[in-house]
Amino acid sequence: MSYNIPNDVATDEVVFAEDINNIKNSIDALKGGIAGDAPSKTVEDLVTLNTLYSDHGNLSGLTDDDHTQYMPTIGGRTFSNKILYDTNKTFSDDKELVAKKYVDDTTSNVVKQLKNYILNGDMKVAQEWTSKATIATTDYIIDNFRFNKTTSGVVFTASQETDSSGTYNIKLDCTTADASVDANDDVSINFFVEGYEYATLKGETCVLSFDIYATKTGTSCVSFRNNGLDRTYILEFTINASNTWETKTLEVAFDQTGGTENYTNGSGLRCDFALLVGSTRQNTANTWHTGSYVSTSNQINHGDNTANEFKLRNVSLTIGNAANFDRDLIIKENFLETLQKCQRYYEKSYNYNTTPGTATQLGGQTFKIGVNSTTNGDACRGLTIFKVIKRTTPNMTTYDFAGTLSQVSINGSASNEAPAAGNITTLETDRGFESNFNTTTAGIKVGFHWEADSRF
């Protein structure tokens, strides 16, 4: 097929027009499908009548659905990528409603991991010690798990244990029994949730899950109390088999009203696992009470025989309900993550596996006095920065390198001086402390270990 060129066109214009003709002829040949066939539509037809061929099916060689990247209106092809809707899209068409239902059903089955609001619930971190005979009231067994004892004559030995699978637990072993429980007796294991974390739990339904191993069988209790200890919720559970690990899952709603709450750096929530409880500290289960209680009247006595043991492990407090609880969905922390969180409440200069009060220089704080600081009217000063900002200004305890409480070592030896000879820890803050020391002897080194305690 050829195109006529007017005679009055200039030579250079003719050359250009011939190029155009060649292009048109090539296009027309392609449109014909086979060389020599008459094209179904000419270029002029397509250019001048292009609005008439918006349907691919009217173009030679194309079908209604030859571009698979487009969505067909008949809904005959599935999507291979995500679909974006306007923010205020309202679904009304049948196909849209089917698609919406599919999305809703699918997303409802998405696995949601659970945060454990109990610090050190897997019981791996034990900075202070791993065992202690005759544990006293307010002593911590491991980080965040404290022993509480009021008036009772019972005595327990406390320790951290681990099995062959690497699972940790805490153990209380009764060494002095108390079969007669007085009205005001209260022996329990408690843990705390700081106010900042508790603020997320307030108003939520939560699941308390744990493994328990006890010699005594029967009804035992766990209780929750607020910051002011003026609101209490008690839950009962049954220990079915003696000296056997059992998993318990309980539900509590933190919907209490009134009382003294804390949503900052105080104790937002306290939880107690009862061991033995007197009558004045008992109340009914499954409701919020005004006042401070620990158990119901059904609580058994875990301290009535020296053969008794009481163990806990895998303690968790998560948002949700017991019917849908799945322990495998709890977010797992590695040891270092948990340790750093625990150091917000307790930190020491000793190596991790060294019990405070041990005779050692490793990790201790040292500084040298170059002049007679008393004569020159100044003290030797040193600054220590904590690894983690503390919950509040901590209580400081010091030891010399021989392990003597409230003393310092001179020149790295066991010889020591008491704080009367110098102020060891002053100007404590939640970030660190300043060490001051005055002496009449110049050129000596002063050393000591320390503990920073801002636990509840």
Protein backbone atom coordinates (compact mmCIF):
# COMPACT_ATOMS: atom_id res chain seq x y z
CA MET A 1 0.00 0.00 0.00
CA SER A 2 1.37 3.46 -0.94
CA TYR A 3 0.54 7.07 -0.19
CA ASN A 4 0.59 9.93 -2.72
CA ILE A 5 2.82 12.93 -2.07
CA PRO A 6 1.79 16.32 -3.52
CA ASN A 7 4.05 17.69 -6.34
CA ASP A 8 4.51 21.08 -4.69
CA VAL A 9 6.32 19.64 -1.65
CA ALA A 10 9.99 20.58 -1.32
CA THR A 11 12.71 17.92 -1.83
CA ASP A 12 13.66 17.63 1.85
CA GLU A 13 9.98 17.47 2.71
CA VAL A 14 9.55 14.67 0.18
CA VAL A 15 12.30 12.66 1.79
CA PHE A 16 10.64 13.08 5.17
CA ALA A 17 7.23 12.22 3.72
CA GLU A 18 8.72 9.07 2.17
CA ASP A 19 9.98 8.07 5.62
CA ILE A 20 6.51 8.60 6.98
CA ASN A 21 5.08 6.48 4.17
CA ASN A 22 7.52 3.69 4.96
CA ILE A 23 6.53 3.75 8.63
CA LYS A 24 2.85 3.71 7.77
CA ASN A 25 3.31 0.87 5.33
CA SER A 26 5.20 -1.15 7.95
CA ILE A 27 2.48 -0.63 10.50
CA ASP A 28 -0.22 -1.56 8.03
CA ALA A 29 1.65 -4.72 7.10
CA LEU A 30 1.88 -5.71 10.72
CA LYS A 31 -1.80 -5.00 11.22
CA GLY A 32 -2.59 -7.32 8.35
CA GLY A 33 -0.94 -10.20 10.19
CA ILE A 34 0.73 -11.71 7.08
CA ALA A 35 2.67 -9.81 4.39
CA GLY A 36 0.50 -9.06 1.41
CA ASP A 37 -2.79 -9.36 3.29
CA ALA A 38 -5.03 -6.38 3.34
CA PRO A 39 -4.92 -4.78 6.78
CA SER A 40 -8.15 -4.76 8.68
CA LYS A 41 -7.68 -1.17 9.79
CA THR A 42 -5.33 1.44 8.38
CA VAL A 43 -3.26 3.81 10.47
CA GLU A 44 -5.48 6.68 9.39
CA ASP A 45 -8.49 4.67 10.56
CA LEU A 46 -6.89 4.08 13.94
CA VAL A 47 -5.75 7.66 14.36
CA THR A 48 -8.98 9.34 13.30
CA LEU A 49 -11.36 6.79 14.79
CA ASN A 50 -9.42 5.72 17.89
CA THR A 51 -12.32 6.48 20.19
CA LEU A 52 -14.32 3.79 18.46
CA TYR A 53 -11.79 1.08 19.43
CA SER A 54 -11.50 1.39 23.18
CA ASP A 55 -12.51 -2.29 23.40
CA HIS A 56 -9.47 -4.53 22.80
CA GLY A 57 -11.73 -7.08 21.09
CA ASN A 58 -12.33 -4.67 18.18
CA LEU A 59 -8.60 -4.46 17.44
CA SER A 60 -7.14 -7.08 15.11
CA GLY A 61 -5.10 -9.70 17.00
CA LEU A 62 -6.33 -8.67 20.45
CA THR A 63 -8.95 -10.22 22.70
CA ASP A 64 -11.09 -8.86 25.51
CA ASP A 65 -8.66 -10.12 28.18
CA ASP A 66 -5.16 -10.15 26.73
CA HIS A 67 -3.62 -7.91 29.47
CA THR A 68 -3.57 -10.07 32.59
CA GLN A 69 -2.24 -7.24 34.74
CA TYR A 70 -5.67 -5.62 34.55
CA MET A 71 -8.67 -6.64 36.65
CA PRO A 72 -11.51 -7.93 34.45
CA THR A 73 -14.95 -6.60 35.24
CA ILE A 74 -16.41 -10.08 35.06
CA GLY A 75 -14.37 -11.12 38.11
CA GLY A 76 -12.97 -14.22 36.42
CA ARG A 77 -9.35 -13.94 37.60
CA THR A 78 -7.86 -14.03 41.11
CA PHE A 79 -5.58 -11.28 42.41
CA SER A 80 -1.83 -11.77 42.58
CA ASN A 81 -1.12 -8.63 44.59
CA LYS A 82 -2.78 -6.46 47.23
CA ILE A 83 -5.79 -4.25 46.49
CA LEU A 84 -6.01 -0.69 47.79
CA TYR A 85 -9.34 0.92 48.59
CA ASP A 86 -10.22 4.49 49.38
CA THR A 87 -10.23 5.23 53.10
CA ASN A 88 -14.00 5.68 53.24
CA LYS A 89 -14.86 2.82 50.86
CA THR A 90 -18.27 1.27 51.50
CA PHE A 91 -18.70 -2.31 50.31
CA SER A 92 -22.06 -3.05 48.69
CA ASP A 93 -21.50 -5.06 45.51
CA ASP A 94 -21.82 -8.84 45.94
CA LYS A 95 -18.26 -9.51 44.78
CA GLU A 96 -16.92 -6.78 47.06
CA LEU A 97 -18.76 -8.23 50.03
CA VAL A 98 -17.36 -11.68 49.30
CA ALA A 99 -13.85 -10.24 49.10
CA LYS A 100 -14.34 -8.32 52.33
CA LYS A 101 -15.55 -11.44 54.15
CA TYR A 102 -12.50 -13.34 52.93
CA VAL A 103 -10.17 -10.61 54.22
CA ASP A 104 -11.99 -10.44 57.56
CA ASP A 105 -11.92 -14.21 58.01
CA THR A 106 -8.25 -14.40 57.05
CA THR A 107 -7.04 -11.58 59.28
CA SER A 108 -9.03 -12.92 62.22
CA ASN A 109 -6.79 -15.98 62.09
CA VAL A 110 -3.53 -14.04 62.04
CA VAL A 111 -1.25 -15.19 64.87
CA LYS A 112 -0.82 -12.45 67.47
CA GLN A 113 2.09 -12.79 69.85
CA LEU A 114 1.50 -12.17 73.54
CA LYS A 115 3.55 -9.91 75.78
CA ASN A 116 4.34 -11.27 79.24
CA TYR A 117 3.92 -8.46 81.76
CA ILE A 118 5.76 -10.41 84.47
CA LEU A 119 9.45 -9.59 84.43
CA ASN A 120 11.69 -12.68 84.60
CA GLY A 121 8.71 -15.01 84.37
CA ASP A 122 10.95 -17.72 82.93
CA MET A 123 13.09 -17.35 86.09
CA LYS A 124 16.49 -17.34 84.37
CA VAL A 125 17.91 -14.20 85.99
CA ALA A 126 19.22 -14.46 89.56
CA GLN A 127 21.72 -11.64 90.13
CA GLU A 128 21.87 -11.67 93.92
CA TRP A 129 22.14 -15.41 94.67
CA THR A 130 20.89 -18.77 93.45
CA SER A 131 20.20 -20.27 96.88
CA LYS A 132 19.73 -19.10 100.44
CA ALA A 133 19.09 -20.97 103.66
CA THR A 134 16.54 -19.49 106.05
CA ILE A 135 15.23 -16.94 103.59
CA ALA A 136 13.84 -13.90 105.42
CA THR A 137 10.86 -11.70 104.71
CA THR A 138 11.35 -9.31 101.77
CA ASP A 139 14.37 -11.32 100.54
CA TYR A 140 14.30 -11.84 96.79
CA ILE A 141 14.58 -15.48 95.72
CA ILE A 142 15.48 -14.45 92.16
CA ASP A 143 15.00 -11.16 90.33
CA ASN A 144 11.41 -9.87 90.71
CA PHE A 145 10.25 -12.82 92.84
CA ARG A 146 10.25 -12.00 96.54
CA PHE A 147 9.61 -14.06 99.65
CA ASN A 148 7.10 -12.63 102.10
CA LYS A 149 6.70 -13.82 105.68
CA THR A 150 4.62 -12.30 108.47
CA THR A 151 4.63 -13.68 112.06
CA SER A 152 4.77 -17.37 111.16
CA GLY A 153 7.41 -19.67 112.69
CA VAL A 154 7.83 -21.62 109.45
CA VAL A 155 11.28 -21.65 107.83
CA PHE A 156 12.06 -22.26 104.16
CA THR A 157 15.25 -22.66 102.15
CA ALA A 158 15.00 -20.92 98.74
CA SER A 159 16.85 -21.77 95.53
CA GLN A 160 16.84 -21.45 91.76
CA GLU A 161 16.83 -24.75 89.86
CA THR A 162 17.12 -25.83 86.22
CA ASP A 163 16.38 -29.12 84.51
CA SER A 164 18.04 -30.92 81.60
CA SER A 165 15.94 -28.95 79.08
CA GLY A 166 17.17 -25.60 80.42
CA THR A 167 13.88 -24.69 82.08
CA TYR A 168 14.34 -22.70 85.30
CA ASN A 169 12.18 -22.68 88.41
CA ILE A 170 12.25 -21.44 91.99
CA LYS A 171 11.96 -23.83 94.90
CA LEU A 172 10.99 -23.40 98.55
CA ASP A 173 11.91 -26.29 100.83
CA CYS A 174 10.31 -26.34 104.30
CA THR A 175 12.98 -26.88 106.97
CA THR A 176 10.97 -25.81 110.04
CA ALA A 177 7.26 -26.63 109.99
CA ASP A 178 4.36 -24.61 111.39
CA ALA A 179 1.20 -26.68 111.51
CA SER A 180 -0.72 -24.14 113.58
CA VAL A 181 -1.55 -21.06 111.51
CA ASP A 182 -2.19 -17.88 113.49
CA ALA A 183 -4.85 -15.39 112.38
CA ASN A 184 -2.30 -12.86 111.05
CA ASP A 185 0.09 -15.34 109.41
CA ASP A 186 1.01 -14.67 105.81
CA VAL A 187 3.73 -16.58 103.96
CA SER A 188 3.82 -16.15 100.19
CA ILE A 189 5.88 -15.61 97.05
CA ASN A 190 5.14 -12.30 95.37
CA PHE A 191 6.10 -10.44 92.24
CA PHE A 192 5.44 -6.90 91.03
CA VAL A 193 4.42 -5.08 87.86
CA GLU A 194 5.68 -1.49 87.67
CA GLY A 195 3.05 1.21 87.24
CA TYR A 196 4.10 2.14 83.71
CA GLU A 197 3.43 -1.45 82.59
CA TYR A 198 0.35 -1.89 84.75
CA ALA A 199 -1.28 1.12 83.05
CA THR A 200 -1.65 -1.04 79.93
CA LEU A 201 -3.34 -3.83 81.92
CA LYS A 202 -5.87 -1.64 83.74
CA GLY A 203 -9.34 -2.27 82.34
CA GLU A 204 -8.21 -5.42 80.50
CA THR A 205 -9.08 -9.07 80.98
CA CYS A 206 -5.85 -11.00 81.51
CA VAL A 207 -4.60 -14.57 81.85
CA LEU A 208 -2.26 -15.71 84.61
CA SER A 209 -0.52 -18.94 83.64
CA PHE A 210 2.10 -20.91 85.58
CA ASP A 211 3.48 -24.35 86.33
CA ILE A 212 3.35 -25.55 89.92
CA TYR A 213 4.95 -28.47 91.73
CA ALA A 214 3.94 -29.04 95.35
CA THR A 215 3.99 -31.80 97.89
CA LYS A 216 0.64 -30.78 99.39
CA THR A 217 -2.46 -31.32 97.25
CA GLY A 218 -5.73 -29.41 97.47
CA THR A 219 -6.85 -25.80 97.04
CA SER A 220 -4.22 -23.09 96.83
CA CYS A 221 -4.62 -19.39 96.01
CA VAL A 222 -3.08 -16.52 94.14
CA SER A 223 -4.08 -12.89 94.73
CA PHE A 224 -3.70 -9.51 93.02
CA ARG A 225 -3.44 -6.23 94.90
CA ASN A 226 -3.11 -2.64 93.77
CA ASN A 227 -0.50 -0.08 94.77
CA GLY A 228 -2.31 0.98 97.95
CA LEU A 229 -3.05 -2.65 98.94
CA ASP A 230 -6.67 -1.53 99.36
CA ARG A 231 -8.14 -3.56 96.47
CA THR A 232 -7.74 -7.37 96.24
CA TYR A 233 -8.79 -10.09 93.81
CA ILE A 234 -8.31 -13.75 94.83
CA LEU A 235 -8.22 -16.80 92.55
CA GLU A 236 -8.29 -20.45 93.61
CA PHE A 237 -6.68 -23.39 91.80
CA THR A 238 -6.34 -27.08 92.63
CA ILE A 239 -3.10 -29.02 93.05
CA ASN A 240 -4.19 -32.48 91.93
CA ALA A 241 -1.05 -34.62 92.23
CA SER A 242 1.74 -34.53 94.80
CA ASN A 243 5.26 -33.66 93.60
CA THR A 244 4.15 -33.37 89.97
CA TRP A 245 4.40 -30.44 87.59
CA GLU A 246 0.96 -29.10 86.67
CA THR A 247 0.01 -26.17 84.43
CA LYS A 248 -2.65 -23.73 85.65
CA THR A 249 -4.45 -21.06 83.62
CA LEU A 250 -6.55 -18.45 85.44
CA GLU A 251 -8.44 -15.35 84.31
CA VAL A 252 -8.74 -11.96 85.98
CA ALA A 253 -10.23 -8.64 84.87
CA PHE A 254 -8.49 -5.52 86.17
CA ASP A 255 -11.72 -3.55 86.21
CA GLN A 256 -11.65 -2.57 89.89
CA THR A 257 -12.79 0.90 90.88
CA GLY A 258 -11.51 3.14 93.66
CA GLY A 259 -8.42 2.43 95.68
CA THR A 260 -4.92 3.83 95.27
CA GLU A 261 -3.46 3.11 91.85
CA ASN A 262 -0.01 3.85 90.45
CA TYR A 263 0.71 4.25 86.74
CA THR A 264 4.28 5.55 86.95
CA ASN A 265 7.39 4.08 88.62
CA GLY A 266 5.73 2.67 91.73
CA SER A 267 4.24 -0.76 92.26
CA GLY A 268 1.25 -0.87 89.93
CA LEU A 269 0.32 -4.47 90.69
CA ARG A 270 1.38 -7.05 93.27
CA CYS A 271 0.67 -10.76 92.89
CA ASP A 272 1.04 -13.30 95.76
CA PHE A 273 1.20 -17.09 95.59
CA ALA A 274 -0.01 -18.15 99.03
CA LEU A 275 1.88 -20.75 101.09
CA LEU A 276 0.02 -20.40 104.39
CA VAL A 277 -2.43 -17.68 105.37
CA GLY A 278 -4.26 -16.75 108.58
CA SER A 279 -7.97 -16.01 108.85
CA THR A 280 -7.70 -12.20 108.98
CA ARG A 281 -6.06 -12.21 105.55
CA GLN A 282 -8.70 -14.38 103.90
CA ASN A 283 -11.74 -13.51 101.77
CA THR A 284 -13.83 -14.97 98.95
CA ALA A 285 -12.63 -15.69 95.42
CA ASN A 286 -13.43 -14.20 92.01
CA THR A 287 -14.41 -10.67 93.01
CA TRP A 288 -12.66 -7.42 93.85
CA HIS A 289 -12.60 -6.66 97.59
CA THR A 290 -11.90 -3.44 99.42
CA GLY A 291 -8.94 -4.18 101.66
CA SER A 292 -5.80 -6.34 101.64
CA TYR A 293 -6.14 -10.12 101.45
CA VAL A 294 -4.08 -13.07 100.25
CA SER A 295 -6.24 -16.21 100.02
CA THR A 296 -9.62 -17.80 100.67
CA SER A 297 -10.40 -19.94 103.70
CA ASN A 298 -9.77 -23.03 101.51
CA GLN A 299 -6.02 -22.34 101.34
CA ILE A 300 -3.88 -25.37 102.31
CA ASN A 301 -0.76 -25.06 104.47
CA HIS A 302 2.40 -25.65 102.42
CA GLY A 303 4.52 -25.25 105.56
CA ASP A 304 3.01 -27.85 107.87
CA ASN A 305 5.66 -30.53 107.25
CA THR A 306 9.42 -30.48 106.64
CA ALA A 307 8.86 -32.85 103.73
CA ASN A 308 6.98 -30.14 101.83
CA GLU A 309 8.32 -28.50 98.69
CA PHE A 310 6.77 -25.71 96.63
CA LYS A 311 8.03 -24.84 93.13
CA LEU A 312 7.01 -22.37 90.41
CA ARG A 313 8.09 -21.88 86.79
CA ASN A 314 6.87 -20.35 83.48
CA VAL A 315 4.84 -17.59 85.13
CA SER A 316 3.09 -15.25 82.69
CA LEU A 317 0.48 -12.50 82.74
CA THR A 318 -0.93 -11.68 79.30
CA ILE A 319 -3.87 -9.74 77.89
CA GLY A 320 -6.69 -11.98 76.68
CA ASN A 321 -9.04 -14.63 77.96
CA ALA A 322 -8.33 -18.12 79.25
CA ALA A 323 -10.42 -19.88 76.62
CA ASN A 324 -8.15 -18.67 73.79
CA PHE A 325 -4.85 -18.64 75.68
CA ASP A 326 -1.88 -20.30 73.96
CA ARG A 327 1.40 -20.28 75.89
CA ASP A 328 3.37 -20.86 72.69
CA LEU A 329 2.38 -17.37 71.50
CA ILE A 330 4.18 -15.60 74.37
CA ILE A 331 7.11 -13.54 73.14
CA LYS A 332 10.38 -15.17 74.19
CA GLU A 333 13.16 -12.94 75.53
CA ASN A 334 16.80 -13.92 75.52
CA PHE A 335 18.79 -13.84 78.74
CA LEU A 336 20.49 -10.50 78.09
CA GLU A 337 17.19 -8.72 77.37
CA THR A 338 15.72 -9.93 80.66
CA LEU A 339 18.90 -9.16 82.60
CA GLN A 340 18.94 -5.56 81.37
CA LYS A 341 15.31 -5.10 82.39
CA CYS A 342 16.04 -6.58 85.82
CA GLN A 343 18.94 -4.16 86.29
CA ARG A 344 16.44 -1.32 86.39
CA TYR A 345 15.64 -2.63 89.87
CA TYR A 346 18.89 -4.18 91.06
CA GLU A 347 22.54 -3.96 89.99
CA LYS A 348 25.84 -4.97 91.56
CA SER A 349 29.56 -4.47 90.92
CA TYR A 350 30.32 -8.18 91.37
CA ASN A 351 30.47 -10.55 88.41
CA TYR A 352 27.09 -12.01 87.54
CA ASN A 353 27.67 -15.40 89.21
CA THR A 354 29.28 -13.94 92.34
CA THR A 355 27.14 -13.53 95.47
CA PRO A 356 27.47 -10.10 97.16
CA GLY A 357 29.72 -10.31 100.21
CA THR A 358 32.11 -12.77 98.54
CA ALA A 359 35.83 -12.09 99.14
CA THR A 360 37.04 -10.90 95.72
CA GLN A 361 38.40 -7.83 93.99
CA LEU A 362 36.93 -8.71 90.58
CA GLY A 363 34.55 -6.04 89.39
CA GLY A 364 35.15 -3.78 92.39
CA GLN A 365 35.32 0.01 92.40
CA THR A 366 38.81 1.46 92.99
CA PHE A 367 40.43 4.90 93.03
CA LYS A 368 43.69 6.39 94.29
CA ILE A 369 44.22 9.24 96.71
CA GLY A 370 47.26 11.21 95.57
CA VAL A 371 47.49 13.71 98.44
CA ASN A 372 46.43 14.06 102.03
CA SER A 373 42.82 14.96 101.25
CA THR A 374 41.96 15.89 104.83
CA THR A 375 44.85 18.34 105.10
CA ASN A 376 44.06 19.86 101.73
CA GLY A 377 40.39 20.24 102.57
CA ASP A 378 39.05 18.02 99.83
CA ALA A 379 38.07 14.42 99.30
CA CYS A 380 38.99 11.94 96.62
CA ARG A 381 35.99 11.58 94.34
CA GLY A 382 34.88 8.98 91.81
CA LEU A 383 31.77 8.68 89.65
CA THR A 384 30.00 5.43 88.77
CA ILE A 385 27.30 5.29 86.08
CA PHE A 386 24.72 2.49 86.29
CA LYS A 387 24.25 0.18 83.33
CA VAL A 388 20.51 0.87 83.37
CA ILE A 389 18.55 3.86 84.73
CA LYS A 390 16.99 2.76 88.02
CA ARG A 391 13.30 2.81 88.87
CA THR A 392 14.08 5.32 91.62
CA THR A 393 17.12 6.47 93.58
CA PRO A 394 18.51 3.16 94.89
CA ASN A 395 19.62 2.11 98.34
CA MET A 396 23.39 1.57 98.24
CA THR A 397 25.28 -1.16 100.09
CA THR A 398 29.09 -1.48 100.12
CA TYR A 399 31.57 -4.26 100.92
CA ASP A 400 35.34 -4.31 101.15
CA PHE A 401 37.28 -6.84 99.08
CA ALA A 402 37.25 -9.27 102.00
CA GLY A 403 33.44 -9.26 101.88
CA THR A 404 32.90 -7.14 105.01
CA LEU A 405 29.71 -5.11 104.92
CA SER A 406 29.94 -1.28 104.99
CA GLN A 407 33.74 -1.07 104.77
CA VAL A 408 36.41 -0.36 102.13
CA SER A 409 39.73 -2.01 101.32
CA ILE A 410 43.00 -0.07 101.49
CA ASN A 411 45.66 -0.71 98.81
CA GLY A 412 43.75 -3.73 97.53
CA SER A 413 44.28 -5.81 100.65
CA ALA A 414 41.96 -7.19 103.28
CA SER A 415 42.82 -4.28 105.56
CA ASN A 416 39.87 -1.97 105.71
CA GLU A 417 38.35 1.15 107.11
CA ALA A 418 34.76 1.74 108.09
CA PRO A 419 32.64 4.50 106.51
CA ALA A 420 33.39 6.65 109.58
CA ALA A 421 36.76 7.29 107.92
CA GLY A 422 35.07 8.45 104.71
CA ASN A 423 31.78 8.74 102.93
CA ILE A 424 31.69 5.95 100.33
CA THR A 425 28.46 6.57 98.45
CA THR A 426 26.91 10.01 98.31
CA LEU A 427 24.86 11.93 95.78
CA GLU A 428 23.05 8.82 94.55
CA THR A 429 20.62 9.28 91.64
CA ASP A 430 18.76 6.89 89.38
CA ARG A 431 21.71 7.12 86.96
CA GLY A 432 24.70 6.56 89.23
CA PHE A 433 26.52 7.64 92.37
CA GLU A 434 29.56 9.62 93.49
CA SER A 435 32.18 8.03 95.75
CA ASN A 436 33.94 10.24 98.30
CA PHE A 437 36.72 9.23 100.66
CA ASN A 438 38.73 11.27 103.18
CA THR A 439 41.92 9.98 104.76
CA THR A 440 45.06 11.34 106.40
CA THR A 441 47.23 8.98 104.33
CA ALA A 442 48.33 10.11 100.87
CA GLY A 443 49.07 7.84 97.92
CA ILE A 444 46.76 4.96 98.86
CA LYS A 445 44.21 3.05 96.79
CA VAL A 446 40.67 2.64 98.06
CA GLY A 447 38.46 -0.18 96.78
CA PHE A 448 35.01 -1.58 97.45
CA HIS A 449 32.06 -3.45 95.94
CA TRP A 450 28.52 -2.12 95.83
CA GLU A 451 24.87 -3.05 95.36
CA ALA A 452 22.23 -0.63 94.03
CA ASP A 453 18.72 -1.69 95.06
CA SER A 454 15.55 0.05 93.84
CA ARG A 455 13.26 -2.99 94.03
CA PHE A 456 9.78 -2.83 95.50
